[in-house]
Amino acid sequence: MRNSTAPSPTSTPFDPREPDGKATCGLVIPKSNWATRIDEPPFRAYPVTGGITFTFGGVEVNRNAQVLSTIDQPIKGLFASGDIVGLFFHNYPSFTGQTRNAVFGRLAGKAAVGEN
């Protein structure tokens, strides 16, 4: 079902650079722009990627770089190093991720070899 206040899917040409208000309704996740039928060529593909620079939180680890569960127990076989173990709050000193990766990677490797 199309939203009656939205432009008709054929009323304006498709332009991916500008929101066009062509919407849908009745979907679990509504489409608010570019609701265009894809039923005749030419077809287009647009590369899309997501990125997370860092978390400022990360997973909790112990001194052996073992990831801890919600009850503060090591999760067998799960280790973490680098940015996934979090950053300094309100600050990002450059290249600290690689330092944490070197330190916690070594700790994780030593602990993993010692596991049964």
PDB file of N, CA and C in Angstrom:
ATOM      1  N   MET A   1       0.848  -1.168   0.000  1.00  0.00           N
ATOM      2  CA  MET A   1       0.000   0.000   0.000  1.00  0.00           C
ATOM      3  C   MET A   1       0.900   1.240   0.000  1.00  0.00           C
ATOM      4  N   ARG A   2       0.600   2.189  -0.875  1.00  0.00           N
ATOM      5  CA  ARG A   2       1.390   3.410  -0.995  1.00  0.00           C
ATOM      6  C   ARG A   2       0.792   4.500  -0.124  1.00  0.00           C
ATOM      7  N   ASN A   3       1.648   5.310   0.474  1.00  0.00           N
ATOM      8  CA  ASN A   3       1.206   6.450   1.272  1.00  0.00           C
ATOM      9  C   ASN A   3       0.572   7.469   0.327  1.00  0.00           C
ATOM     10  N   SER A   4      -0.656   7.883   0.596  1.00  0.00           N
ATOM     11  CA  SER A   4      -1.369   8.777  -0.321  1.00  0.00           C
ATOM     12  C   SER A   4      -0.751  10.172  -0.388  1.00  0.00           C
ATOM     13  N   THR A   5       0.048  10.577   0.616  1.00  0.00           N
ATOM     14  CA  THR A   5       0.665  11.901   0.581  1.00  0.00           C
ATOM     15  C   THR A   5       2.027  11.883  -0.113  1.00  0.00           C
ATOM     16  N   ALA A   6       2.556  10.712  -0.370  1.00  0.00           N
ATOM     17  CA  ALA A   6       3.869  10.610  -1.022  1.00  0.00           C
ATOM     18  C   ALA A   6       3.709  10.767  -2.522  1.00  0.00           C
ATOM     19  N   PRO A   7       4.761  11.266  -3.190  1.00  0.00           N
ATOM     20  CA  PRO A   7       4.705  11.367  -4.652  1.00  0.00           C
ATOM     21  C   PRO A   7       4.515   9.993  -5.278  1.00  0.00           C
ATOM     22  N   SER A   8       3.883   9.971  -6.415  1.00  0.00           N
ATOM     23  CA  SER A   8       3.713   8.727  -7.149  1.00  0.00           C
ATOM     24  C   SER A   8       5.081   8.194  -7.550  1.00  0.00           C
ATOM     25  N   PRO A   9       5.257   6.863  -7.544  1.00  0.00           N
ATOM     26  CA  PRO A   9       6.552   6.294  -7.934  1.00  0.00           C
ATOM     27  C   PRO A   9       6.996   6.690  -9.336  1.00  0.00           C
ATOM     28  N   THR A  10       6.085   7.140 -10.168  1.00  0.00           N
ATOM     29  CA  THR A  10       6.458   7.530 -11.531  1.00  0.00           C
ATOM     30  C   THR A  10       6.384   9.036 -11.753  1.00  0.00           C
ATOM     31  N   SER A  11       6.073   9.824 -10.708  1.00  0.00           N
ATOM     32  CA  SER A  11       5.858  11.262 -10.897  1.00  0.00           C
ATOM     33  C   SER A  11       7.152  12.050 -11.128  1.00  0.00           C
ATOM     34  N   THR A  12       8.237  11.607 -10.553  1.00  0.00           N
ATOM     35  CA  THR A  12       9.523  12.286 -10.751  1.00  0.00           C
ATOM     36  C   THR A  12      10.580  11.256 -11.080  1.00  0.00           C
ATOM     37  N   PRO A  13      11.562  11.618 -11.899  1.00  0.00           N
ATOM     38  CA  PRO A  13      12.613  10.655 -12.222  1.00  0.00           C
ATOM     39  C   PRO A  13      13.475  10.352 -11.004  1.00  0.00           C
ATOM     40  N   PHE A  14      14.021   9.147 -10.970  1.00  0.00           N
ATOM     41  CA  PHE A  14      14.884   8.722  -9.877  1.00  0.00           C
ATOM     42  C   PHE A  14      16.187   9.515  -9.892  1.00  0.00           C
ATOM     43  N   ASP A  15      16.519  10.107  -8.749  1.00  0.00           N
ATOM     44  CA  ASP A  15      17.785  10.816  -8.578  1.00  0.00           C
ATOM     45  C   ASP A  15      18.337  10.450  -7.205  1.00  0.00           C
ATOM     46  N   PRO A  16      19.370   9.591  -7.139  1.00  0.00           N
ATOM     47  CA  PRO A  16      19.871   9.118  -5.851  1.00  0.00           C
ATOM     48  C   PRO A  16      20.552  10.203  -5.023  1.00  0.00           C
ATOM     49  N   ARG A  17      20.763  11.378  -5.612  1.00  0.00           N
ATOM     50  CA  ARG A  17      21.448  12.464  -4.897  1.00  0.00           C
ATOM     51  C   ARG A  17      20.515  13.298  -4.032  1.00  0.00           C
ATOM     52  N   GLU A  18      19.215  13.201  -4.262  1.00  0.00           N
ATOM     53  CA  GLU A  18      18.246  14.039  -3.544  1.00  0.00           C
ATOM     54  C   GLU A  18      17.097  13.188  -3.002  1.00  0.00           C
ATOM     55  N   PRO A  19      16.737  13.357  -1.725  1.00  0.00           N
ATOM     56  CA  PRO A  19      15.550  12.671  -1.217  1.00  0.00           C
ATOM     57  C   PRO A  19      14.330  13.083  -2.032  1.00  0.00           C
ATOM     58  N   ASP A  20      13.484  12.108  -2.371  1.00  0.00           N
ATOM     59  CA  ASP A  20      12.346  12.417  -3.240  1.00  0.00           C
ATOM     60  C   ASP A  20      10.988  12.235  -2.567  1.00  0.00           C
ATOM     61  N   GLY A  21      10.972  11.746  -1.337  1.00  0.00           N
ATOM     62  CA  GLY A  21       9.711  11.587  -0.629  1.00  0.00           C
ATOM     63  C   GLY A  21       8.859  10.426  -1.106  1.00  0.00           C
ATOM     64  N   LYS A  22       9.349   9.655  -2.079  1.00  0.00           N
ATOM     65  CA  LYS A  22       8.588   8.493  -2.536  1.00  0.00           C
ATOM     66  C   LYS A  22       8.653   7.435  -1.441  1.00  0.00           C
ATOM     67  N   ALA A  23       7.542   7.247  -0.751  1.00  0.00           N
ATOM     68  CA  ALA A  23       7.518   6.417   0.445  1.00  0.00           C
ATOM     69  C   ALA A  23       6.611   5.215   0.276  1.00  0.00           C
ATOM     70  N   THR A  24       6.720   4.315   1.211  1.00  0.00           N
ATOM     71  CA  THR A  24       5.811   3.178   1.306  1.00  0.00           C
ATOM     72  C   THR A  24       5.156   3.233   2.669  1.00  0.00           C
ATOM     73  N   CYS A  25       4.067   2.525   2.819  1.00  0.00           N
ATOM     74  CA  CYS A  25       3.465   2.372   4.144  1.00  0.00           C
ATOM     75  C   CYS A  25       2.965   0.941   4.242  1.00  0.00           C
ATOM     76  N   GLY A  26       2.792   0.503   5.462  1.00  0.00           N
ATOM     77  CA  GLY A  26       2.333  -0.856   5.679  1.00  0.00           C
ATOM     78  C   GLY A  26       3.466  -1.865   5.771  1.00  0.00           C
ATOM     79  N   LEU A  27       4.716  -1.407   5.656  1.00  0.00           N
ATOM     80  CA  LEU A  27       5.845  -2.304   5.821  1.00  0.00           C
ATOM     81  C   LEU A  27       6.325  -2.254   7.259  1.00  0.00           C
ATOM     82  N   VAL A  28       6.959  -3.327   7.717  1.00  0.00           N
ATOM     83  CA  VAL A  28       7.480  -3.349   9.077  1.00  0.00           C
ATOM     84  C   VAL A  28       8.472  -2.209   9.269  1.00  0.00           C
ATOM     85  N   ILE A  29       9.363  -2.024   8.304  1.00  0.00           N
ATOM     86  CA  ILE A  29      10.291  -0.898   8.317  1.00  0.00           C
ATOM     87  C   ILE A  29       9.904  -0.022   7.129  1.00  0.00           C
ATOM     88  N   PRO A  30       9.300   1.143   7.383  1.00  0.00           N
ATOM     89  CA  PRO A  30       8.832   1.969   6.267  1.00  0.00           C
ATOM     90  C   PRO A  30       9.982   2.525   5.429  1.00  0.00           C
ATOM     91  N   LYS A  31       9.741   2.697   4.166  1.00  0.00           N
ATOM     92  CA  LYS A  31      10.706   3.283   3.231  1.00  0.00           C
ATOM     93  C   LYS A  31      10.290   4.718   3.024  1.00  0.00           C
ATOM     94  N   SER A  32      11.190   5.683   3.338  1.00  0.00           N
ATOM     95  CA  SER A  32      10.795   7.086   3.305  1.00  0.00           C
ATOM     96  C   SER A  32      11.255   7.829   2.048  1.00  0.00           C
ATOM     97  N   ASN A  33      12.181   7.296   1.306  1.00  0.00           N
ATOM     98  CA  ASN A  33      12.642   7.920   0.059  1.00  0.00           C
ATOM     99  C   ASN A  33      13.050   6.820  -0.923  1.00  0.00           C
ATOM    100  N   TRP A  34      13.004   7.146  -2.184  1.00  0.00           N
ATOM    101  CA  TRP A  34      13.476   6.282  -3.268  1.00  0.00           C
ATOM    102  C   TRP A  34      12.739   4.944  -3.332  1.00  0.00           C
ATOM    103  N   ALA A  35      11.457   4.943  -2.966  1.00  0.00           N
ATOM    104  CA  ALA A  35      10.654   3.733  -3.089  1.00  0.00           C
ATOM    105  C   ALA A  35      10.292   3.583  -4.562  1.00  0.00           C
ATOM    106  N   THR A  36      11.197   3.042  -5.313  1.00  0.00           N
ATOM    107  CA  THR A  36      11.060   2.928  -6.757  1.00  0.00           C
ATOM    108  C   THR A  36      11.038   1.460  -7.152  1.00  0.00           C
ATOM    109  N   ARG A  37      10.133   1.124  -8.050  1.00  0.00           N
ATOM    110  CA  ARG A  37      10.084  -0.259  -8.539  1.00  0.00           C
ATOM    111  C   ARG A  37      11.395  -0.601  -9.247  1.00  0.00           C
ATOM    112  N   ILE A  38      11.821  -1.822  -9.048  1.00  0.00           N
ATOM    113  CA  ILE A  38      13.028  -2.318  -9.735  1.00  0.00           C
ATOM    114  C   ILE A  38      12.556  -3.472 -10.610  1.00  0.00           C
ATOM    115  N   ASP A  39      11.973  -3.127 -11.756  1.00  0.00           N
ATOM    116  CA  ASP A  39      11.411  -4.175 -12.591  1.00  0.00           C
ATOM    117  C   ASP A  39      11.804  -4.094 -14.064  1.00  0.00           C
ATOM    118  N   GLU A  40      12.577  -3.072 -14.453  1.00  0.00           N
ATOM    119  CA  GLU A  40      13.052  -3.029 -15.835  1.00  0.00           C
ATOM    120  C   GLU A  40      14.414  -2.331 -15.890  1.00  0.00           C
ATOM    121  N   PRO A  41      15.271  -2.768 -16.809  1.00  0.00           N
ATOM    122  CA  PRO A  41      16.608  -2.186 -16.897  1.00  0.00           C
ATOM    123  C   PRO A  41      16.564  -0.741 -17.378  1.00  0.00           C
ATOM    124  N   PRO A  42      17.596   0.029 -17.194  1.00  0.00           N
ATOM    125  CA  PRO A  42      18.898  -0.414 -16.687  1.00  0.00           C
ATOM    126  C   PRO A  42      18.883  -0.527 -15.155  1.00  0.00           C
ATOM    127  N   PHE A  43      19.524  -1.584 -14.650  1.00  0.00           N
ATOM    128  CA  PHE A  43      19.634  -1.789 -13.215  1.00  0.00           C
ATOM    129  C   PHE A  43      20.928  -1.158 -12.740  1.00  0.00           C
ATOM    130  N   ARG A  44      20.935  -0.663 -11.511  1.00  0.00           N
ATOM    131  CA  ARG A  44      22.123  -0.012 -10.955  1.00  0.00           C
ATOM    132  C   ARG A  44      22.494  -0.687  -9.643  1.00  0.00           C
ATOM    133  N   ALA A  45      23.768  -0.657  -9.316  1.00  0.00           N
ATOM    134  CA  ALA A  45      24.243  -1.157  -8.022  1.00  0.00           C
ATOM    135  C   ALA A  45      25.100  -0.069  -7.402  1.00  0.00           C
ATOM    136  N   TYR A  46      24.918   0.155  -6.127  1.00  0.00           N
ATOM    137  CA  TYR A  46      25.675   1.167  -5.406  1.00  0.00           C
ATOM    138  C   TYR A  46      26.420   0.489  -4.260  1.00  0.00           C
ATOM    139  N   PRO A  47      27.731   0.626  -4.236  1.00  0.00           N
ATOM    140  CA  PRO A  47      28.458   0.009  -3.114  1.00  0.00           C
ATOM    141  C   PRO A  47      28.134   0.741  -1.812  1.00  0.00           C
ATOM    142  N   VAL A  48      27.882  -0.035  -0.788  1.00  0.00           N
ATOM    143  CA  VAL A  48      27.549   0.529   0.517  1.00  0.00           C
ATOM    144  C   VAL A  48      28.371  -0.211   1.557  1.00  0.00           C
ATOM    145  N   THR A  49      28.892   0.518   2.500  1.00  0.00           N
ATOM    146  CA  THR A  49      29.628  -0.116   3.586  1.00  0.00           C
ATOM    147  C   THR A  49      29.360   0.624   4.880  1.00  0.00           C
ATOM    148  N   GLY A  50      29.433  -0.080   5.952  1.00  0.00           N
ATOM    149  CA  GLY A  50      29.307   0.530   7.266  1.00  0.00           C
ATOM    150  C   GLY A  50      30.676   0.550   7.913  1.00  0.00           C
ATOM    151  N   GLY A  51      30.857   1.444   8.801  1.00  0.00           N
ATOM    152  CA  GLY A  51      32.144   1.497   9.472  1.00  0.00           C
ATOM    153  C   GLY A  51      32.011   1.930  10.912  1.00  0.00           C
ATOM    154  N   ILE A  52      32.782   1.305  11.745  1.00  0.00           N
ATOM    155  CA  ILE A  52      32.868   1.706  13.146  1.00  0.00           C
ATOM    156  C   ILE A  52      34.342   1.947  13.413  1.00  0.00           C
ATOM    157  N   THR A  53      34.684   3.180  13.721  1.00  0.00           N
ATOM    158  CA  THR A  53      36.080   3.500  13.970  1.00  0.00           C
ATOM    159  C   THR A  53      36.550   2.857  15.260  1.00  0.00           C
ATOM    160  N   PHE A  54      35.792   3.014  16.312  1.00  0.00           N
ATOM    161  CA  PHE A  54      36.080   2.353  17.577  1.00  0.00           C
ATOM    162  C   PHE A  54      34.848   2.426  18.459  1.00  0.00           C
ATOM    163  N   THR A  55      34.865   1.675  19.541  1.00  0.00           N
ATOM    164  CA  THR A  55      33.660   1.511  20.346  1.00  0.00           C
ATOM    165  C   THR A  55      33.605   2.387  21.588  1.00  0.00           C
ATOM    166  N   PHE A  56      34.731   2.827  22.115  1.00  0.00           N
ATOM    167  CA  PHE A  56      34.809   3.523  23.401  1.00  0.00           C
ATOM    168  C   PHE A  56      34.305   2.645  24.534  1.00  0.00           C
ATOM    169  N   GLY A  57      33.986   1.422  24.266  1.00  0.00           N
ATOM    170  CA  GLY A  57      33.512   0.525  25.318  1.00  0.00           C
ATOM    171  C   GLY A  57      34.253  -0.776  25.223  1.00  0.00           C
ATOM    172  N   GLY A  58      33.847  -1.587  24.301  1.00  0.00           N
ATOM    173  CA  GLY A  58      34.519  -2.853  24.078  1.00  0.00           C
ATOM    174  C   GLY A  58      34.093  -3.930  25.055  1.00  0.00           C
ATOM    175  N   VAL A  59      34.684  -5.097  24.844  1.00  0.00           N
ATOM    176  CA  VAL A  59      34.404  -6.226  25.718  1.00  0.00           C
ATOM    177  C   VAL A  59      35.350  -6.192  26.904  1.00  0.00           C
ATOM    178  N   GLU A  60      34.919  -6.788  27.997  1.00  0.00           N
ATOM    179  CA  GLU A  60      35.759  -6.828  29.191  1.00  0.00           C
ATOM    180  C   GLU A  60      36.656  -8.049  29.120  1.00  0.00           C
ATOM    181  N   VAL A  61      37.933  -7.854  29.400  1.00  0.00           N
ATOM    182  CA  VAL A  61      38.903  -8.946  29.398  1.00  0.00           C
ATOM    183  C   VAL A  61      39.645  -8.968  30.724  1.00  0.00           C
ATOM    184  N   ASN A  62      40.249 -10.125  31.016  1.00  0.00           N
ATOM    185  CA  ASN A  62      41.083 -10.228  32.206  1.00  0.00           C
ATOM    186  C   ASN A  62      42.551 -10.033  31.818  1.00  0.00           C
ATOM    187  N   ARG A  63      43.465 -10.307  32.733  1.00  0.00           N
ATOM    188  CA  ARG A  63      44.893 -10.096  32.481  1.00  0.00           C
ATOM    189  C   ARG A  63      45.469 -11.048  31.437  1.00  0.00           C
ATOM    190  N   ASN A  64      44.710 -12.088  31.096  1.00  0.00           N
ATOM    191  CA  ASN A  64      45.139 -13.034  30.061  1.00  0.00           C
ATOM    192  C   ASN A  64      44.461 -12.760  28.724  1.00  0.00           C
ATOM    193  N   ALA A  65      43.785 -11.627  28.612  1.00  0.00           N
ATOM    194  CA  ALA A  65      43.059 -11.221  27.407  1.00  0.00           C
ATOM    195  C   ALA A  65      41.872 -12.125  27.111  1.00  0.00           C
ATOM    196  N   GLN A  66      41.408 -12.872  28.114  1.00  0.00           N
ATOM    197  CA  GLN A  66      40.216 -13.700  27.951  1.00  0.00           C
ATOM    198  C   GLN A  66      38.982 -12.807  28.098  1.00  0.00           C
ATOM    199  N   VAL A  67      38.042 -12.955  27.195  1.00  0.00           N
ATOM    200  CA  VAL A  67      36.797 -12.194  27.276  1.00  0.00           C
ATOM    201  C   VAL A  67      35.991 -12.732  28.452  1.00  0.00           C
ATOM    202  N   LEU A  68      35.449 -11.806  29.250  1.00  0.00           N
ATOM    203  CA  LEU A  68      34.682 -12.189  30.432  1.00  0.00           C
ATOM    204  C   LEU A  68      33.184 -12.189  30.142  1.00  0.00           C
ATOM    205  N   SER A  69      32.487 -13.126  30.749  1.00  0.00           N
ATOM    206  CA  SER A  69      31.027 -13.211  30.596  1.00  0.00           C
ATOM    207  C   SER A  69      30.370 -12.135  31.455  1.00  0.00           C
ATOM    208  N   THR A  70      29.047 -12.108  31.413  1.00  0.00           N
ATOM    209  CA  THR A  70      28.305 -11.126  32.197  1.00  0.00           C
ATOM    210  C   THR A  70      28.405 -11.403  33.696  1.00  0.00           C
ATOM    211  N   ILE A  71      28.905 -12.578  34.063  1.00  0.00           N
ATOM    212  CA  ILE A  71      29.128 -12.873  35.489  1.00  0.00           C
ATOM    213  C   ILE A  71      30.628 -12.884  35.795  1.00  0.00           C
ATOM    214  N   ASP A  72      31.391 -12.157  34.975  1.00  0.00           N
ATOM    215  CA  ASP A  72      32.835 -11.963  35.173  1.00  0.00           C
ATOM    216  C   ASP A  72      33.644 -13.255  35.183  1.00  0.00           C
ATOM    217  N   GLN A  73      33.205 -14.233  34.426  1.00  0.00           N
ATOM    218  CA  GLN A  73      33.952 -15.484  34.277  1.00  0.00           C
ATOM    219  C   GLN A  73      34.532 -15.542  32.878  1.00  0.00           C
ATOM    220  N   PRO A  74      35.790 -16.031  32.713  1.00  0.00           N
ATOM    221  CA  PRO A  74      36.369 -16.146  31.373  1.00  0.00           C
ATOM    222  C   PRO A  74      35.547 -17.083  30.492  1.00  0.00           C
ATOM    223  N   ILE A  75      35.336 -16.674  29.242  1.00  0.00           N
ATOM    224  CA  ILE A  75      34.643 -17.518  28.270  1.00  0.00           C
ATOM    225  C   ILE A  75      35.709 -18.375  27.589  1.00  0.00           C
ATOM    226  N   LYS A  76      35.652 -19.680  27.774  1.00  0.00           N
ATOM    227  CA  LYS A  76      36.684 -20.592  27.289  1.00  0.00           C
ATOM    228  C   LYS A  76      36.903 -20.427  25.791  1.00  0.00           C
ATOM    229  N   GLY A  77      38.156 -20.202  25.418  1.00  0.00           N
ATOM    230  CA  GLY A  77      38.539 -20.114  24.016  1.00  0.00           C
ATOM    231  C   GLY A  77      38.288 -18.767  23.358  1.00  0.00           C
ATOM    232  N   LEU A  78      37.804 -17.776  24.103  1.00  0.00           N
ATOM    233  CA  LEU A  78      37.509 -16.477  23.505  1.00  0.00           C
ATOM    234  C   LEU A  78      38.444 -15.415  24.077  1.00  0.00           C
ATOM    235  N   PHE A  79      39.242 -14.839  23.211  1.00  0.00           N
ATOM    236  CA  PHE A  79      40.229 -13.838  23.584  1.00  0.00           C
ATOM    237  C   PHE A  79      39.995 -12.576  22.752  1.00  0.00           C
ATOM    238  N   ALA A  80      40.493 -11.435  23.244  1.00  0.00           N
ATOM    239  CA  ALA A  80      40.330 -10.190  22.502  1.00  0.00           C
ATOM    240  C   ALA A  80      41.566  -9.321  22.671  1.00  0.00           C
ATOM    241  N   SER A  81      41.835  -8.524  21.636  1.00  0.00           N
ATOM    242  CA  SER A  81      42.946  -7.570  21.696  1.00  0.00           C
ATOM    243  C   SER A  81      42.610  -6.369  20.813  1.00  0.00           C
ATOM    244  N   GLY A  82      43.379  -5.310  20.936  1.00  0.00           N
ATOM    245  CA  GLY A  82      43.186  -4.133  20.093  1.00  0.00           C
ATOM    246  C   GLY A  82      41.979  -3.314  20.492  1.00  0.00           C
ATOM    247  N   ASP A  83      41.378  -2.638  19.513  1.00  0.00           N
ATOM    248  CA  ASP A  83      40.284  -1.703  19.783  1.00  0.00           C
ATOM    249  C   ASP A  83      39.043  -2.370  20.351  1.00  0.00           C
ATOM    250  N   ILE A  84      38.869  -3.666  20.148  1.00  0.00           N
ATOM    251  CA  ILE A  84      37.675  -4.343  20.659  1.00  0.00           C
ATOM    252  C   ILE A  84      37.642  -4.359  22.183  1.00  0.00           C
ATOM    253  N   VAL A  85      38.797  -4.139  22.833  1.00  0.00           N
ATOM    254  CA  VAL A  85      38.800  -4.093  24.297  1.00  0.00           C
ATOM    255  C   VAL A  85      38.557  -2.683  24.815  1.00  0.00           C
ATOM    256  N   GLY A  86      38.207  -1.748  23.948  1.00  0.00           N
ATOM    257  CA  GLY A  86      37.807  -0.409  24.358  1.00  0.00           C
ATOM    258  C   GLY A  86      38.931   0.604  24.284  1.00  0.00           C
ATOM    259  N   LEU A  87      38.555   1.853  24.468  1.00  0.00           N
ATOM    260  CA  LEU A  87      39.494   2.971  24.392  1.00  0.00           C
ATOM    261  C   LEU A  87      39.429   3.808  25.650  1.00  0.00           C
ATOM    262  N   PHE A  88      40.264   4.803  25.688  1.00  0.00           N
ATOM    263  CA  PHE A  88      40.244   5.755  26.788  1.00  0.00           C
ATOM    264  C   PHE A  88      39.006   6.626  26.646  1.00  0.00           C
ATOM    265  N   PHE A  89      38.343   6.908  27.733  1.00  0.00           N
ATOM    266  CA  PHE A  89      37.116   7.690  27.711  1.00  0.00           C
ATOM    267  C   PHE A  89      37.400   9.145  27.354  1.00  0.00           C
ATOM    268  N   HIS A  90      36.652   9.699  26.414  1.00  0.00           N
ATOM    269  CA  HIS A  90      36.731  11.101  25.976  1.00  0.00           C
ATOM    270  C   HIS A  90      38.063  11.470  25.332  1.00  0.00           C
ATOM    271  N   ASN A  91      38.815  10.520  24.876  1.00  0.00           N
ATOM    272  CA  ASN A  91      40.103  10.853  24.272  1.00  0.00           C
ATOM    273  C   ASN A  91      40.508   9.719  23.341  1.00  0.00           C
ATOM    274  N   TYR A  92      41.251  10.039  22.310  1.00  0.00           N
ATOM    275  CA  TYR A  92      41.759   9.012  21.416  1.00  0.00           C
ATOM    276  C   TYR A  92      43.213   9.305  21.090  1.00  0.00           C
ATOM    277  N   PRO A  93      44.127   8.844  21.935  1.00  0.00           N
ATOM    278  CA  PRO A  93      45.543   9.018  21.607  1.00  0.00           C
ATOM    279  C   PRO A  93      45.878   8.157  20.389  1.00  0.00           C
ATOM    280  N   SER A  94      46.444   8.748  19.379  1.00  0.00           N
ATOM    281  CA  SER A  94      46.729   8.038  18.130  1.00  0.00           C
ATOM    282  C   SER A  94      47.586   6.796  18.350  1.00  0.00           C
ATOM    283  N   PHE A  95      47.305   5.775  17.570  1.00  0.00           N
ATOM    284  CA  PHE A  95      48.054   4.524  17.504  1.00  0.00           C
ATOM    285  C   PHE A  95      47.976   3.673  18.764  1.00  0.00           C
ATOM    286  N   THR A  96      47.108   4.016  19.713  1.00  0.00           N
ATOM    287  CA  THR A  96      47.021   3.194  20.912  1.00  0.00           C
ATOM    288  C   THR A  96      46.374   1.842  20.631  1.00  0.00           C
ATOM    289  N   GLY A  97      45.551   1.754  19.579  1.00  0.00           N
ATOM    290  CA  GLY A  97      44.939   0.473  19.221  1.00  0.00           C
ATOM    291  C   GLY A  97      45.988  -0.560  18.887  1.00  0.00           C
ATOM    292  N   GLN A  98      47.033  -0.149  18.175  1.00  0.00           N
ATOM    293  CA  GLN A  98      48.096  -1.099  17.819  1.00  0.00           C
ATOM    294  C   GLN A  98      48.911  -1.504  19.040  1.00  0.00           C
ATOM    295  N   THR A  99      49.079  -0.576  19.959  1.00  0.00           N
ATOM    296  CA  THR A  99      49.778  -0.924  21.202  1.00  0.00           C
ATOM    297  C   THR A  99      48.969  -1.947  21.983  1.00  0.00           C
ATOM    298  N   ARG A 100      47.661  -1.689  22.140  1.00  0.00           N
ATOM    299  CA  ARG A 100      46.807  -2.660  22.836  1.00  0.00           C
ATOM    300  C   ARG A 100      46.787  -3.982  22.092  1.00  0.00           C
ATOM    301  N   ASN A 101      46.811  -3.944  20.773  1.00  0.00           N
ATOM    302  CA  ASN A 101      46.803  -5.168  19.989  1.00  0.00           C
ATOM    303  C   ASN A 101      48.075  -5.975  20.240  1.00  0.00           C
ATOM    304  N   ALA A 102      49.214  -5.297  20.277  1.00  0.00           N
ATOM    305  CA  ALA A 102      50.482  -5.997  20.522  1.00  0.00           C
ATOM    306  C   ALA A 102      50.503  -6.597  21.930  1.00  0.00           C
ATOM    307  N   VAL A 103      50.103  -5.807  22.922  1.00  0.00           N
ATOM    308  CA  VAL A 103      50.144  -6.284  24.315  1.00  0.00           C
ATOM    309  C   VAL A 103      49.130  -7.402  24.544  1.00  0.00           C
ATOM    310  N   PHE A 104      47.853  -7.137  24.229  1.00  0.00           N
ATOM    311  CA  PHE A 104      46.824  -8.132  24.501  1.00  0.00           C
ATOM    312  C   PHE A 104      46.905  -9.318  23.547  1.00  0.00           C
ATOM    313  N   GLY A 105      47.406  -9.111  22.325  1.00  0.00           N
ATOM    314  CA  GLY A 105      47.602 -10.234  21.403  1.00  0.00           C
ATOM    315  C   GLY A 105      48.617 -11.226  21.947  1.00  0.00           C
ATOM    316  N   ARG A 106      49.700 -10.717  22.517  1.00  0.00           N
ATOM    317  CA  ARG A 106      50.720 -11.582  23.122  1.00  0.00           C
ATOM    318  C   ARG A 106      50.155 -12.311  24.333  1.00  0.00           C
ATOM    319  N   LEU A 107      49.432 -11.568  25.185  1.00  0.00           N
ATOM    320  CA  LEU A 107      48.817 -12.202  26.358  1.00  0.00           C
ATOM    321  C   LEU A 107      47.819 -13.288  25.929  1.00  0.00           C
ATOM    322  N   ALA A 108      47.003 -12.987  24.924  1.00  0.00           N
ATOM    323  CA  ALA A 108      46.016 -13.946  24.432  1.00  0.00           C
ATOM    324  C   ALA A 108      46.697 -15.192  23.872  1.00  0.00           C
ATOM    325  N   GLY A 109      47.756 -14.982  23.104  1.00  0.00           N
ATOM    326  CA  GLY A 109      48.473 -16.129  22.537  1.00  0.00           C
ATOM    327  C   GLY A 109      49.061 -17.029  23.601  1.00  0.00           C
ATOM    328  N   LYS A 110      49.699 -16.415  24.601  1.00  0.00           N
ATOM    329  CA  LYS A 110      50.284 -17.214  25.686  1.00  0.00           C
ATOM    330  C   LYS A 110      49.203 -17.965  26.445  1.00  0.00           C
ATOM    331  N   ALA A 111      48.067 -17.307  26.733  1.00  0.00           N
ATOM    332  CA  ALA A 111      46.983 -17.957  27.469  1.00  0.00           C
ATOM    333  C   ALA A 111      46.339 -19.055  26.639  1.00  0.00           C
ATOM    334  N   ALA A 112      46.186 -18.837  25.325  1.00  0.00           N
ATOM    335  CA  ALA A 112      45.543 -19.840  24.457  1.00  0.00           C
ATOM    336  C   ALA A 112      46.396 -21.107  24.380  1.00  0.00           C
ATOM    337  N   VAL A 113      47.699 -20.958  24.337  1.00  0.00           N
ATOM    338  CA  VAL A 113      48.587 -22.127  24.293  1.00  0.00           C
ATOM    339  C   VAL A 113      48.478 -22.915  25.578  1.00  0.00           C
ATOM    340  N   GLY A 114      48.243 -22.231  26.690  1.00  0.00           N
ATOM    341  CA  GLY A 114      48.148 -22.896  27.984  1.00  0.00           C
ATOM    342  C   GLY A 114      46.816 -23.544  28.248  1.00  0.00           C
ATOM    343  N   GLU A 115      45.776 -23.271  27.400  1.00  0.00           N
ATOM    344  CA  GLU A 115      44.457 -23.876  27.618  1.00  0.00           C
ATOM    345  C   GLU A 115      44.452 -25.329  27.209  1.00  0.00           C
ATOM    346  N   ASN A 116      43.613 -26.107  27.884  1.00  0.00           N
ATOM    347  CA  ASN A 116      43.459 -27.540  27.533  1.00  0.00           C
ATOM    348  C   ASN A 116      42.266 -27.709  26.645  1.00  0.00           C
TER     349      ASN A 116
END
